[in-house]
């Protein structure tokens, strides 16, 4: 499988994902996965299993959250952990997560951006970035598309 889309409506249980993990000796469900579209809804999305979808061939990640899913800052921690484990070798990255008050997601997304190299072609985010991350994006030679929701950099 090269493309996977998980939507809010699809309630994949922890038990189902645990069984899939048990049958995947290397810890990745789809080793040829190139494109992952995951619409996150906290009560129904088992973020702890996100690593199952981190194929070494992953080129595109679209991670979107519902704007009302997190009420308190500590509830952002699992989402921040997911973002921090994304590979820096992505070509297309869309993180429509928030914006929420506080710097947790800003710091995590900015850190990911700073790790991204010249392969990155498109980037979109609804979370503001650090100044260093903004400058890094401006320096990427192959970046062709950059979408920002909310406040302009």
C-alpha atoms as a PDB file:
ATOM      1  CA  UNK A   1       0.000   0.000   0.000  1.00  0.00           C
ATOM      2  CA  UNK A   2       1.334   3.420  -0.938  1.00  0.00           C
ATOM      3  CA  UNK A   3      -1.391   5.726   0.442  1.00  0.00           C
ATOM      4  CA  UNK A   4      -3.441   5.617   3.636  1.00  0.00           C
ATOM      5  CA  UNK A   5      -6.190   7.951   4.784  1.00  0.00           C
ATOM      6  CA  UNK A   6      -7.575   7.735   8.321  1.00  0.00           C
ATOM      7  CA  UNK A   7     -10.540  10.013   8.949  1.00  0.00           C
ATOM      8  CA  UNK A   8     -12.267  11.237  12.121  1.00  0.00           C
ATOM      9  CA  UNK A   9     -15.227   8.945  11.537  1.00  0.00           C
ATOM     10  CA  UNK A  10     -13.126   5.788  11.430  1.00  0.00           C
ATOM     11  CA  UNK A  11     -12.916   4.429  14.922  1.00  0.00           C
ATOM     12  CA  UNK A  12      -9.873   2.146  14.936  1.00  0.00           C
ATOM     13  CA  UNK A  13      -9.571   0.578  18.349  1.00  0.00           C
ATOM     14  CA  UNK A  14      -6.374   0.100  20.319  1.00  0.00           C
ATOM     15  CA  UNK A  15      -7.081  -3.635  20.304  1.00  0.00           C
ATOM     16  CA  UNK A  16      -7.187  -3.734  16.493  1.00  0.00           C
ATOM     17  CA  UNK A  17      -3.948  -1.801  16.189  1.00  0.00           C
ATOM     18  CA  UNK A  18      -2.304  -4.010  18.839  1.00  0.00           C
ATOM     19  CA  UNK A  19      -3.191  -7.087  16.808  1.00  0.00           C
ATOM     20  CA  UNK A  20      -1.798  -5.503  13.656  1.00  0.00           C
ATOM     21  CA  UNK A  21       1.378  -4.601  15.509  1.00  0.00           C
ATOM     22  CA  UNK A  22       1.771  -8.197  16.715  1.00  0.00           C
ATOM     23  CA  UNK A  23       1.655  -9.343  13.084  1.00  0.00           C
ATOM     24  CA  UNK A  24       4.183  -6.769  11.916  1.00  0.00           C
ATOM     25  CA  UNK A  25       7.640  -7.955  12.982  1.00  0.00           C
ATOM     26  CA  UNK A  26       9.484  -4.753  12.047  1.00  0.00           C
ATOM     27  CA  UNK A  27       6.928  -2.446  13.736  1.00  0.00           C
ATOM     28  CA  UNK A  28       5.717  -0.790  10.517  1.00  0.00           C
ATOM     29  CA  UNK A  29       2.392  -1.879   9.063  1.00  0.00           C
ATOM     30  CA  UNK A  30       2.951  -0.670   5.525  1.00  0.00           C
ATOM     31  CA  UNK A  31       6.667  -0.564   4.649  1.00  0.00           C
ATOM     32  CA  UNK A  32       5.978   0.942   1.201  1.00  0.00           C
ATOM     33  CA  UNK A  33       3.658   3.690   2.456  1.00  0.00           C
ATOM     34  CA  UNK A  34       4.471   7.011   0.776  1.00  0.00           C
ATOM     35  CA  UNK A  35       1.457   9.179   1.670  1.00  0.00           C
ATOM     36  CA  UNK A  36      -0.311   9.367   5.022  1.00  0.00           C
ATOM     37  CA  UNK A  37      -3.416  11.474   5.587  1.00  0.00           C
ATOM     38  CA  UNK A  38      -4.545  11.329   9.217  1.00  0.00           C
ATOM     39  CA  UNK A  39      -7.416  13.404  10.551  1.00  0.00           C
ATOM     40  CA  UNK A  40      -7.046  13.220  14.310  1.00  0.00           C
ATOM     41  CA  UNK A  41      -9.891  13.231  16.820  1.00  0.00           C
ATOM     42  CA  UNK A  42      -8.566  12.678  20.343  1.00  0.00           C
ATOM     43  CA  UNK A  43     -11.313  10.473  21.780  1.00  0.00           C
ATOM     44  CA  UNK A  44     -11.180   8.101  18.805  1.00  0.00           C
ATOM     45  CA  UNK A  45      -7.618   8.293  17.493  1.00  0.00           C
ATOM     46  CA  UNK A  46      -4.996   6.116  19.173  1.00  0.00           C
ATOM     47  CA  UNK A  47      -2.004   8.409  18.771  1.00  0.00           C
ATOM     48  CA  UNK A  48       0.239   5.944  20.586  1.00  0.00           C
ATOM     49  CA  UNK A  49       0.162   3.720  17.485  1.00  0.00           C
ATOM     50  CA  UNK A  50       1.241   6.442  15.079  1.00  0.00           C
ATOM     51  CA  UNK A  51       4.706   4.896  14.654  1.00  0.00           C
ATOM     52  CA  UNK A  52       3.069   1.939  12.890  1.00  0.00           C
ATOM     53  CA  UNK A  53       2.584   4.211   9.886  1.00  0.00           C
ATOM     54  CA  UNK A  54       6.098   5.689   9.734  1.00  0.00           C
ATOM     55  CA  UNK A  55       7.356   3.902   6.669  1.00  0.00           C
ATOM     56  CA  UNK A  56      10.950   4.522   5.571  1.00  0.00           C
ATOM     57  CA  UNK A  57       9.502   5.567   2.191  1.00  0.00           C
ATOM     58  CA  UNK A  58       7.099   8.164   3.595  1.00  0.00           C
ATOM     59  CA  UNK A  59       7.107  11.310   1.442  1.00  0.00           C
ATOM     60  CA  UNK A  60       3.864  13.088   2.324  1.00  0.00           C
ATOM     61  CA  UNK A  61       2.168  13.581   5.690  1.00  0.00           C
ATOM     62  CA  UNK A  62      -1.072  15.463   6.231  1.00  0.00           C
ATOM     63  CA  UNK A  63      -1.968  15.569   9.915  1.00  0.00           C
ATOM     64  CA  UNK A  64      -5.125  17.509  10.698  1.00  0.00           C
ATOM     65  CA  UNK A  65      -6.946  17.913  14.004  1.00  0.00           C
ATOM     66  CA  UNK A  66     -10.362  19.120  14.933  1.00  0.00           C
ATOM     67  CA  UNK A  67     -10.052  22.577  16.426  1.00  0.00           C
ATOM     68  CA  UNK A  68     -12.148  21.603  19.462  1.00  0.00           C
ATOM     69  CA  UNK A  69     -10.468  18.330  20.371  1.00  0.00           C
ATOM     70  CA  UNK A  70      -8.018  19.683  22.951  1.00  0.00           C
ATOM     71  CA  UNK A  71      -9.277  21.665  25.902  1.00  0.00           C
ATOM     72  CA  UNK A  72      -6.174  21.761  28.100  1.00  0.00           C
ATOM     73  CA  UNK A  73      -2.482  22.218  27.231  1.00  0.00           C
ATOM     74  CA  UNK A  74      -1.465  18.814  28.648  1.00  0.00           C
ATOM     75  CA  UNK A  75      -3.806  17.166  26.152  1.00  0.00           C
ATOM     76  CA  UNK A  76      -1.488  18.352  23.362  1.00  0.00           C
ATOM     77  CA  UNK A  77       1.403  16.171  24.571  1.00  0.00           C
ATOM     78  CA  UNK A  78       0.469  13.029  22.564  1.00  0.00           C
ATOM     79  CA  UNK A  79       0.022  15.129  19.427  1.00  0.00           C
ATOM     80  CA  UNK A  80       3.372  16.825  20.030  1.00  0.00           C
ATOM     81  CA  UNK A  81       5.009  13.397  20.405  1.00  0.00           C
ATOM     82  CA  UNK A  82       3.534  12.304  17.067  1.00  0.00           C
ATOM     83  CA  UNK A  83       4.851  15.415  15.313  1.00  0.00           C
ATOM     84  CA  UNK A  84       8.287  15.070  16.866  1.00  0.00           C
ATOM     85  CA  UNK A  85       8.715  11.544  15.484  1.00  0.00           C
ATOM     86  CA  UNK A  86       7.969  12.541  11.871  1.00  0.00           C
ATOM     87  CA  UNK A  87      10.920  12.021   9.533  1.00  0.00           C
ATOM     88  CA  UNK A  88      12.848  15.049   8.319  1.00  0.00           C
ATOM     89  CA  UNK A  89      13.060  13.557   4.819  1.00  0.00           C
ATOM     90  CA  UNK A  90       9.472  14.428   3.868  1.00  0.00           C
ATOM     91  CA  UNK A  91       8.703  16.164   0.579  1.00  0.00           C
ATOM     92  CA  UNK A  92       5.233  17.405   1.560  1.00  0.00           C
ATOM     93  CA  UNK A  93       4.160  18.281   5.084  1.00  0.00           C
ATOM     94  CA  UNK A  94       0.820  19.646   6.227  1.00  0.00           C
ATOM     95  CA  UNK A  95       0.178  20.120   9.948  1.00  0.00           C
ATOM     96  CA  UNK A  96      -3.201  21.709  10.512  1.00  0.00           C
ATOM     97  CA  UNK A  97      -3.155  21.447  14.291  1.00  0.00           C
ATOM     98  CA  UNK A  98      -4.600  24.334  16.161  1.00  0.00           C
ATOM     99  CA  UNK A  99      -3.697  27.072  16.763  1.00  0.00           C
ATOM    100  CA  UNK A 100      -3.806  26.758  20.534  1.00  0.00           C
ATOM    101  CA  UNK A 101      -2.385  29.003  23.190  1.00  0.00           C
ATOM    102  CA  UNK A 102       1.003  28.056  24.504  1.00  0.00           C
ATOM    103  CA  UNK A 103       4.228  27.165  22.792  1.00  0.00           C
ATOM    104  CA  UNK A 104       4.226  23.366  22.848  1.00  0.00           C
ATOM    105  CA  UNK A 105       3.064  22.815  19.257  1.00  0.00           C
ATOM    106  CA  UNK A 106       4.943  25.868  18.012  1.00  0.00           C
ATOM    107  CA  UNK A 107       8.169  24.481  19.470  1.00  0.00           C
ATOM    108  CA  UNK A 108       7.624  20.933  18.207  1.00  0.00           C
ATOM    109  CA  UNK A 109       6.626  21.959  14.682  1.00  0.00           C
ATOM    110  CA  UNK A 110       9.443  24.508  14.511  1.00  0.00           C
ATOM    111  CA  UNK A 111      11.911  21.832  15.587  1.00  0.00           C
ATOM    112  CA  UNK A 112      10.650  19.509  12.846  1.00  0.00           C
ATOM    113  CA  UNK A 113      10.937  22.272  10.247  1.00  0.00           C
ATOM    114  CA  UNK A 114      14.512  22.973  11.336  1.00  0.00           C
ATOM    115  CA  UNK A 115      15.347  19.294  10.743  1.00  0.00           C
ATOM    116  CA  UNK A 116      13.814  19.288   7.249  1.00  0.00           C
ATOM    117  CA  UNK A 117      16.224  19.491   4.370  1.00  0.00           C
ATOM    118  CA  UNK A 118      16.177  20.322   0.683  1.00  0.00           C
ATOM    119  CA  UNK A 119      13.687  17.545  -0.156  1.00  0.00           C
ATOM    120  CA  UNK A 120      10.809  19.567   1.342  1.00  0.00           C
ATOM    121  CA  UNK A 121       8.651  20.911  -1.501  1.00  0.00           C
ATOM    122  CA  UNK A 122       5.492  22.005   0.272  1.00  0.00           C
ATOM    123  CA  UNK A 123       4.656  23.011   3.814  1.00  0.00           C
ATOM    124  CA  UNK A 124       1.452  24.140   5.471  1.00  0.00           C
ATOM    125  CA  UNK A 125       0.650  24.804   9.085  1.00  0.00           C
ATOM    126  CA  UNK A 126      -2.025  26.429  11.186  1.00  0.00           C
ATOM    127  CA  UNK A 127       0.431  26.887  14.051  1.00  0.00           C
ATOM    128  CA  UNK A 128       2.855  29.834  14.103  1.00  0.00           C
ATOM    129  CA  UNK A 129       6.545  28.947  13.757  1.00  0.00           C
ATOM    130  CA  UNK A 130       9.641  30.243  15.499  1.00  0.00           C
ATOM    131  CA  UNK A 131      11.685  32.881  13.724  1.00  0.00           C
ATOM    132  CA  UNK A 132      14.497  30.366  13.158  1.00  0.00           C
ATOM    133  CA  UNK A 133      12.067  27.923  11.511  1.00  0.00           C
ATOM    134  CA  UNK A 134      10.683  30.680   9.273  1.00  0.00           C
ATOM    135  CA  UNK A 135      14.190  31.601   8.120  1.00  0.00           C
ATOM    136  CA  UNK A 136      15.022  27.934   7.542  1.00  0.00           C
ATOM    137  CA  UNK A 137      11.936  27.487   5.334  1.00  0.00           C
ATOM    138  CA  UNK A 138      12.921  30.541   3.308  1.00  0.00           C
ATOM    139  CA  UNK A 139      16.316  28.976   2.625  1.00  0.00           C
ATOM    140  CA  UNK A 140      15.042  25.609   1.362  1.00  0.00           C
ATOM    141  CA  UNK A 141      15.872  25.411  -2.368  1.00  0.00           C
ATOM    142  CA  UNK A 142      12.992  23.162  -3.469  1.00  0.00           C
ATOM    143  CA  UNK A 143      10.160  24.648  -1.407  1.00  0.00           C
ATOM    144  CA  UNK A 144       7.441  25.548  -3.911  1.00  0.00           C
ATOM    145  CA  UNK A 145       4.378  25.878  -1.714  1.00  0.00           C
ATOM    146  CA  UNK A 146       4.050  27.375   1.755  1.00  0.00           C
ATOM    147  CA  UNK A 147       0.592  27.893   3.259  1.00  0.00           C
ATOM    148  CA  UNK A 148      -0.007  29.563   6.582  1.00  0.00           C
ATOM    149  CA  UNK A 149      -3.370  29.813   8.309  1.00  0.00           C
ATOM    150  CA  UNK A 150      -3.912  32.622  10.734  1.00  0.00           C
ATOM    151  CA  UNK A 151      -1.167  35.072  11.520  1.00  0.00           C
ATOM    152  CA  UNK A 152       1.307  35.836   8.732  1.00  0.00           C
ATOM    153  CA  UNK A 153       4.987  35.377   9.539  1.00  0.00           C
END
